[in-house]
């Protein structure tokens, strides 16, 4: 039976032409590297010795680790959930760093006119109703680890490197996309203009949620036809999470009666069905709202509804071609810092951008 190559076998010849080997390692090399670094083979007690040997005898250590981490990180990234990508449309393969257009089209959805016998069919055209431009930009950082820090890692923090890189990329995306819709004052006034008077001040209650749903369903297109902007998502900050869960998931609502109008009221023993729970509105808890909405307590009270982006996109999130997921790379092994020290270095790079698009996809409130 053929034995799997050892790390010593694989290390032969790795010291030369490292930059040209990046992303070209065999599955055997990547598997052996993963086993050494993440402790998947041999005696776990000897993991530190294996890592020390790997880091000091392998010229391609940074490149191999980058390849292994990239493979794991991209798998994790593609299976990770995103709050803001639920409410915007995603666009891949933007060709360059020049500005691109995010376009909203109108037409071909209005009621069809009556056609008389032998009559002509009127022409309906699809037009660009709105176009926004944006750029994709580079987001990234360098990560470094010394031989000592990797070897002296008693709790396996180094094992979580791919997960940490994924979280950094996702947080970068979420913070950026949240800033498209929320600023220091809460929901951005200029965008939430589809409401009768801009963002509301209604706090999050069952009655106010019903009001918001009704107003969204009343949105119309340029021809005055209803567009059926049914909300699919309720977005809140962490401070409103429990309350929002109660409103969306409760089966019934108890009535509160207060004859004097001055007391807290007395809950009746009977209730009515919470019909809003039948709408299937999904709760999105966005921790970046209080980080961005810093005026007073607005970050803990504001809330917003979004429709399905497949129906009406509130915005667009785009990535550069080749960067639909974050990329990890290692510098050339001949880099002077790598030659003079036992420092392993990796660069994480993610290229993305986006813009707001259609205000009829949203409804927002400051909540106070």
Protein backbone atom coordinates (compact mmCIF):
# COMPACT_ATOMS: atom_id res chain seq x y z
CA UNK A 1 0.00 0.00 0.00
CA UNK A 2 1.44 3.37 -1.03
CA UNK A 3 2.24 5.62 1.92
CA UNK A 4 1.10 9.25 1.92
CA UNK A 5 4.00 11.70 1.51
CA UNK A 6 5.40 13.14 4.70
CA UNK A 7 5.99 16.83 5.29
CA UNK A 8 9.74 16.21 4.91
CA UNK A 9 9.18 14.59 1.51
CA UNK A 10 7.05 17.49 0.39
CA UNK A 11 9.47 20.12 1.63
CA UNK A 12 12.17 19.10 -0.85
CA UNK A 13 12.42 21.73 -3.55
CA UNK A 14 9.85 24.09 -2.02
CA UNK A 15 12.43 26.82 -1.32
CA UNK A 16 12.70 27.85 -4.99
CA UNK A 17 10.22 29.54 -7.34
CA UNK A 18 7.59 29.89 -4.61
CA UNK A 19 5.68 32.73 -6.24
CA UNK A 20 5.25 30.66 -9.40
CA UNK A 21 3.87 27.73 -7.40
CA UNK A 22 1.09 29.72 -5.73
CA UNK A 23 -2.29 28.07 -6.43
CA UNK A 24 -0.44 25.24 -8.21
CA UNK A 25 0.08 22.77 -5.39
CA UNK A 26 -1.20 19.24 -5.74
CA UNK A 27 -3.98 17.84 -3.63
CA UNK A 28 -1.41 15.66 -1.83
CA UNK A 29 0.63 18.72 -0.89
CA UNK A 30 -2.41 20.64 0.30
CA UNK A 31 -3.72 17.68 2.28
CA UNK A 32 -0.37 17.06 3.96
CA UNK A 33 -0.07 20.75 4.82
CA UNK A 34 -3.57 20.80 6.26
CA UNK A 35 -2.77 17.74 8.36
CA UNK A 36 0.34 19.36 9.78
CA UNK A 37 -1.17 22.75 10.50
CA UNK A 38 -4.57 21.70 11.73
CA UNK A 39 -3.50 18.52 13.54
CA UNK A 40 -5.47 16.00 11.52
CA UNK A 41 -2.90 13.24 11.59
CA UNK A 42 -0.40 11.68 13.97
CA UNK A 43 -0.04 12.27 17.69
CA UNK A 44 -1.74 15.59 18.67
CA UNK A 45 0.89 16.01 21.40
CA UNK A 46 3.55 16.34 18.70
CA UNK A 47 1.66 19.00 16.75
CA UNK A 48 3.99 21.78 17.97
CA UNK A 49 7.04 19.83 16.80
CA UNK A 50 5.51 19.19 13.40
CA UNK A 51 4.59 22.88 12.97
CA UNK A 52 8.05 24.03 14.06
CA UNK A 53 9.66 21.64 11.60
CA UNK A 54 7.30 22.74 8.87
CA UNK A 55 7.83 26.47 9.44
CA UNK A 56 11.62 26.28 9.64
CA UNK A 57 12.40 23.76 6.89
CA UNK A 58 9.76 24.67 4.32
CA UNK A 59 10.50 27.58 2.05
CA UNK A 60 6.93 27.54 0.73
CA UNK A 61 5.27 27.57 4.13
CA UNK A 62 3.46 30.88 3.60
CA UNK A 63 2.35 29.96 0.09
CA UNK A 64 1.11 26.51 1.08
CA UNK A 65 -0.74 27.83 4.12
CA UNK A 66 -2.31 30.51 1.92
CA UNK A 67 -3.50 27.85 -0.54
CA UNK A 68 -4.95 25.67 2.21
CA UNK A 69 -6.55 28.62 3.99
CA UNK A 70 -7.97 29.97 0.72
CA UNK A 71 -9.59 26.66 -0.12
CA UNK A 72 -11.18 26.39 3.31
CA UNK A 73 -12.08 30.06 3.51
CA UNK A 74 -13.89 30.17 0.18
CA UNK A 75 -15.92 27.11 1.13
CA UNK A 76 -16.88 28.74 4.41
CA UNK A 77 -17.65 32.05 2.69
CA UNK A 78 -20.01 30.51 0.15
CA UNK A 79 -21.92 28.74 2.92
CA UNK A 80 -22.11 31.75 5.23
CA UNK A 81 -25.30 33.72 5.72
CA UNK A 82 -25.51 37.45 5.08
CA UNK A 83 -28.04 39.95 6.39
CA UNK A 84 -27.62 42.64 3.77
CA UNK A 85 -27.28 40.31 0.77
CA UNK A 86 -30.82 39.19 1.57
CA UNK A 87 -32.19 42.63 0.63
CA UNK A 88 -30.01 43.65 -2.35
CA UNK A 89 -29.29 42.01 -5.66
CA UNK A 90 -25.82 40.59 -6.22
CA UNK A 91 -23.76 41.22 -9.33
CA UNK A 92 -20.58 39.28 -10.10
CA UNK A 93 -17.77 39.61 -12.64
CA UNK A 94 -17.53 43.40 -12.80
CA UNK A 95 -14.68 43.70 -15.33
CA UNK A 96 -12.57 46.52 -13.85
CA UNK A 97 -12.30 49.36 -11.35
CA UNK A 98 -14.14 51.85 -13.57
CA UNK A 99 -17.63 52.96 -12.56
CA UNK A 100 -20.48 50.63 -13.42
CA UNK A 101 -24.20 51.24 -13.80
CA UNK A 102 -26.88 49.77 -11.57
CA UNK A 103 -30.09 50.20 -13.52
CA UNK A 104 -33.75 49.92 -12.60
CA UNK A 105 -36.11 49.31 -15.52
CA UNK A 106 -39.77 50.24 -15.85
CA UNK A 107 -42.41 49.10 -18.31
CA UNK A 108 -44.08 45.95 -19.67
CA UNK A 109 -45.87 45.46 -16.34
CA UNK A 110 -48.82 47.81 -16.73
CA UNK A 111 -52.35 46.66 -17.49
CA UNK A 112 -52.82 45.60 -21.10
CA UNK A 113 -55.08 47.85 -23.23
CA UNK A 114 -58.12 46.41 -24.98
CA UNK A 115 -57.45 45.61 -28.64
CA UNK A 116 -60.45 46.01 -30.96
CA UNK A 117 -61.24 43.68 -33.82
CA UNK A 118 -58.61 44.10 -36.52
CA UNK A 119 -57.10 46.81 -34.35
CA UNK A 120 -53.45 47.56 -33.80
CA UNK A 121 -51.65 46.53 -30.68
CA UNK A 122 -50.27 49.52 -28.81
CA UNK A 123 -46.55 49.47 -28.17
CA UNK A 124 -45.22 49.18 -24.62
CA UNK A 125 -41.55 49.86 -24.09
CA UNK A 126 -39.15 49.01 -21.33
CA UNK A 127 -37.16 52.05 -20.26
CA UNK A 128 -34.33 52.80 -17.88
CA UNK A 129 -36.20 54.51 -15.09
CA UNK A 130 -33.23 54.98 -12.79
CA UNK A 131 -29.48 54.50 -13.07
CA UNK A 132 -26.95 54.74 -10.27
CA UNK A 133 -23.19 54.47 -10.69
CA UNK A 134 -20.66 53.00 -8.30
CA UNK A 135 -17.11 51.70 -8.12
CA UNK A 136 -15.71 48.50 -6.68
CA UNK A 137 -12.87 49.05 -4.24
CA UNK A 138 -10.13 46.96 -2.68
CA UNK A 139 -10.50 45.86 0.93
CA UNK A 140 -7.74 43.88 2.57
CA UNK A 141 -5.10 43.43 5.22
CA UNK A 142 -1.87 41.62 5.99
CA UNK A 143 -1.75 38.82 8.53
CA UNK A 144 1.53 37.74 10.10
CA UNK A 145 2.52 34.90 12.43
CA UNK A 146 5.91 34.03 13.80
CA UNK A 147 7.24 30.52 14.24
CA UNK A 148 7.00 31.02 18.00
CA UNK A 149 3.36 32.15 17.98
CA UNK A 150 2.30 29.19 15.83
CA UNK A 151 4.27 26.69 17.87
CA UNK A 152 3.12 28.11 21.21
CA UNK A 153 -0.58 28.02 20.39
CA UNK A 154 -2.05 25.91 23.21
CA UNK A 155 -5.73 26.52 22.45
CA UNK A 156 -5.55 26.24 18.67
CA UNK A 157 -6.21 29.86 17.72
CA UNK A 158 -4.21 29.31 14.53
CA UNK A 159 -6.67 26.55 13.61
CA UNK A 160 -9.37 29.20 13.25
CA UNK A 161 -7.44 31.30 10.71
CA UNK A 162 -9.78 30.59 7.75
CA UNK A 163 -12.88 31.25 9.89
CA UNK A 164 -11.41 34.52 11.13
CA UNK A 165 -10.61 35.64 7.58
CA UNK A 166 -14.16 34.82 6.50
CA UNK A 167 -15.64 36.79 9.38
CA UNK A 168 -13.46 39.76 8.49
CA UNK A 169 -14.64 39.66 4.86
CA UNK A 170 -18.30 39.28 5.82
CA UNK A 171 -18.13 42.08 8.37
CA UNK A 172 -16.57 44.35 5.76
CA UNK A 173 -19.43 43.61 3.36
CA UNK A 174 -22.14 44.00 6.00
CA UNK A 175 -20.78 47.29 7.33
CA UNK A 176 -20.50 48.71 3.81
CA UNK A 177 -23.96 47.65 2.67
CA UNK A 178 -25.63 48.76 5.91
CA UNK A 179 -24.10 52.22 5.43
CA UNK A 180 -26.02 52.48 2.14
CA UNK A 181 -29.31 52.56 4.04
CA UNK A 182 -28.48 53.79 7.56
CA UNK A 183 -26.39 56.72 8.75
CA UNK A 184 -25.88 58.47 12.09
CA UNK A 185 -29.51 59.58 12.12
CA UNK A 186 -31.01 56.17 11.30
CA UNK A 187 -32.72 55.37 7.97
CA UNK A 188 -31.32 57.74 5.36
CA UNK A 189 -33.98 60.38 4.63
CA UNK A 190 -33.12 60.93 0.99
CA UNK A 191 -33.54 57.25 0.15
CA UNK A 192 -36.61 56.41 2.20
CA UNK A 193 -38.56 58.97 0.20
CA UNK A 194 -41.05 56.47 -1.21
CA UNK A 195 -43.01 56.82 2.04
CA UNK A 196 -45.60 59.61 2.14
CA UNK A 197 -43.30 61.85 4.21
CA UNK A 198 -39.96 60.07 4.27
CA UNK A 199 -38.93 57.86 7.19
CA UNK A 200 -41.58 57.49 9.88
CA UNK A 201 -41.22 58.07 13.60
CA UNK A 202 -43.49 55.19 14.60
CA UNK A 203 -42.05 52.82 17.24
CA UNK A 204 -42.09 49.11 16.50
CA UNK A 205 -45.48 47.79 17.61
CA UNK A 206 -47.94 45.36 16.07
CA UNK A 207 -50.24 48.19 14.94
CA UNK A 208 -47.38 50.25 13.48
CA UNK A 209 -46.00 47.22 11.70
CA UNK A 210 -49.42 46.70 10.13
CA UNK A 211 -49.45 50.36 9.09
CA UNK A 212 -46.03 50.00 7.46
CA UNK A 213 -47.09 46.88 5.54
CA UNK A 214 -50.19 48.66 4.28
CA UNK A 215 -48.19 51.66 3.10
CA UNK A 216 -45.70 49.49 1.25
CA UNK A 217 -48.50 47.68 -0.53
CA UNK A 218 -49.76 51.08 -1.67
CA UNK A 219 -46.57 51.96 -3.57
CA UNK A 220 -47.12 52.53 -7.30
CA UNK A 221 -44.99 52.66 -10.44
CA UNK A 222 -44.53 55.62 -12.79
CA UNK A 223 -47.85 54.81 -14.46
CA UNK A 224 -49.71 54.85 -11.18
CA UNK A 225 -50.22 51.07 -11.13
CA UNK A 226 -49.69 49.19 -7.86
CA UNK A 227 -46.38 47.32 -7.76
CA UNK A 228 -47.33 45.01 -4.86
CA UNK A 229 -44.26 45.83 -2.80
CA UNK A 230 -44.93 43.11 -0.25
CA UNK A 231 -42.34 43.31 2.56
CA UNK A 232 -40.34 40.13 3.01
CA UNK A 233 -37.85 41.23 5.66
CA UNK A 234 -38.01 43.21 8.90
CA UNK A 235 -34.57 44.59 9.75
CA UNK A 236 -33.77 45.72 13.28
CA UNK A 237 -30.74 46.24 15.47
CA UNK A 238 -29.97 43.89 18.40
CA UNK A 239 -31.95 46.11 20.79
CA UNK A 240 -35.23 45.30 19.02
CA UNK A 241 -34.53 41.62 18.31
CA UNK A 242 -36.67 40.08 21.07
CA UNK A 243 -39.55 42.49 20.52
CA UNK A 244 -39.51 41.84 16.77
CA UNK A 245 -39.49 38.08 17.37
CA UNK A 246 -42.54 38.42 19.60
CA UNK A 247 -44.41 40.49 17.01
CA UNK A 248 -43.64 38.21 14.07
CA UNK A 249 -44.00 34.85 15.78
CA UNK A 250 -46.84 35.28 18.28
CA UNK A 251 -49.99 33.42 17.31
CA UNK A 252 -52.44 35.68 19.13
CA UNK A 253 -52.53 39.16 20.64
CA UNK A 254 -54.14 40.07 23.95
CA UNK A 255 -56.25 43.20 24.06
CA UNK A 256 -55.42 45.83 26.67
CA UNK A 257 -58.29 47.75 28.23
CA UNK A 258 -57.90 50.93 30.30
CA UNK A 259 -61.10 52.73 31.12
CA UNK A 260 -59.46 55.76 32.72
CA UNK A 261 -56.86 56.29 30.04
CA UNK A 262 -54.18 56.92 32.65
CA UNK A 263 -53.16 53.48 33.91
CA UNK A 264 -51.15 50.66 32.33
CA UNK A 265 -54.33 48.82 31.40
CA UNK A 266 -55.58 45.33 32.13
CA UNK A 267 -55.03 42.48 29.71
CA UNK A 268 -58.21 40.66 28.82
CA UNK A 269 -58.21 36.88 29.02
CA UNK A 270 -59.06 36.51 25.35
CA UNK A 271 -57.14 37.63 22.29
CA UNK A 272 -57.27 37.89 18.54
CA UNK A 273 -55.22 36.12 15.91
CA UNK A 274 -51.98 37.83 14.92
CA UNK A 275 -52.50 37.80 11.16
CA UNK A 276 -49.11 39.40 10.53
CA UNK A 277 -47.52 36.09 11.48
CA UNK A 278 -49.16 34.63 8.37
CA UNK A 279 -47.30 37.00 6.04
CA UNK A 280 -44.03 35.12 6.46
CA UNK A 281 -41.97 38.25 7.11
CA UNK A 282 -38.45 37.16 8.02
CA UNK A 283 -36.53 38.86 10.79
CA UNK A 284 -33.04 40.19 9.99
CA UNK A 285 -31.00 41.33 13.00
CA UNK A 286 -28.30 43.73 11.82
CA UNK A 287 -25.65 44.48 14.47
CA UNK A 288 -24.20 47.28 12.34
CA UNK A 289 -27.27 49.51 12.75
CA UNK A 290 -26.34 50.80 16.24
CA UNK A 291 -22.70 51.09 15.16
CA UNK A 292 -23.66 53.44 12.29
CA UNK A 293 -26.78 55.09 13.75
CA UNK A 294 -25.18 56.90 16.66
CA UNK A 295 -27.46 59.89 17.20
CA UNK A 296 -28.99 59.54 20.67
CA UNK A 297 -30.75 56.19 21.04
CA UNK A 298 -31.79 55.97 17.40
CA UNK A 299 -29.63 52.88 16.85
CA UNK A 300 -31.72 50.87 19.31
CA UNK A 301 -35.13 52.05 18.09
CA UNK A 302 -35.02 52.38 14.27
CA UNK A 303 -36.38 49.62 12.05
CA UNK A 304 -36.99 48.98 8.37
CA UNK A 305 -38.92 46.75 6.01
CA UNK A 306 -37.46 45.42 2.74
CA UNK A 307 -39.16 43.63 -0.13
CA UNK A 308 -37.72 40.67 -2.03
CA UNK A 309 -34.83 41.94 -4.20
CA UNK A 310 -35.92 39.53 -6.93
CA UNK A 311 -39.07 41.66 -7.13
CA UNK A 312 -37.74 45.15 -6.38
CA UNK A 313 -34.06 45.50 -5.44
CA UNK A 314 -33.30 48.08 -2.77
CA UNK A 315 -29.68 48.14 -3.90
CA UNK A 316 -26.91 46.32 -5.69
CA UNK A 317 -23.77 44.64 -4.36
CA UNK A 318 -21.06 43.94 -6.93
CA UNK A 319 -17.71 42.13 -6.93
CA UNK A 320 -14.76 42.37 -9.29
CA UNK A 321 -14.21 39.49 -11.68
CA UNK A 322 -12.24 36.80 -9.86
CA UNK A 323 -13.30 38.13 -6.45
CA UNK A 324 -16.76 36.70 -5.93
CA UNK A 325 -15.15 35.37 -2.73
CA UNK A 326 -12.21 36.83 -0.77
CA UNK A 327 -8.73 35.80 -1.90
CA UNK A 328 -5.71 34.82 0.22
CA UNK A 329 -2.19 35.01 -1.11
CA UNK A 330 1.34 34.87 0.25
CA UNK A 331 4.29 37.09 -0.71
CA UNK A 332 7.22 35.75 -2.71
CA UNK A 333 9.33 33.52 -0.49
CA UNK A 334 12.36 35.58 -1.60
CA UNK A 335 10.87 38.62 0.16
CA UNK A 336 13.62 40.10 2.34
CA UNK A 337 11.52 40.00 5.50
CA UNK A 338 10.74 36.31 4.97
CA UNK A 339 14.43 35.55 4.37
CA UNK A 340 15.70 37.38 7.44
CA UNK A 341 13.00 36.28 9.91
CA UNK A 342 10.78 33.31 10.72
CA UNK A 343 7.64 35.29 9.91
CA UNK A 344 4.83 33.84 7.82
CA UNK A 345 2.76 36.48 6.01
CA UNK A 346 -0.56 36.37 4.17
CA UNK A 347 -2.59 38.99 2.35
CA UNK A 348 -6.39 38.88 2.33
CA UNK A 349 -8.05 40.84 -0.46
CA UNK A 350 -11.69 41.37 -1.33
CA UNK A 351 -12.89 43.72 -4.08
CA UNK A 352 -16.49 44.90 -3.92
CA UNK A 353 -18.79 47.91 -4.08
CA UNK A 354 -22.46 48.78 -4.34
CA UNK A 355 -25.17 51.38 -4.35
CA UNK A 356 -28.73 52.13 -3.26
CA UNK A 357 -31.22 51.63 -6.04
CA UNK A 358 -35.02 51.60 -5.60
CA UNK A 359 -36.61 53.35 -2.58
CA UNK A 360 -39.91 51.61 -3.29
CA UNK A 361 -38.31 48.44 -1.93
CA UNK A 362 -38.11 49.84 1.60
CA UNK A 363 -40.04 51.38 4.47
CA UNK A 364 -38.23 52.77 7.49
CA UNK A 365 -38.81 54.37 10.84
CA UNK A 366 -36.66 56.15 13.40
CA UNK A 367 -38.77 54.41 16.04
CA UNK A 368 -39.14 57.52 18.20
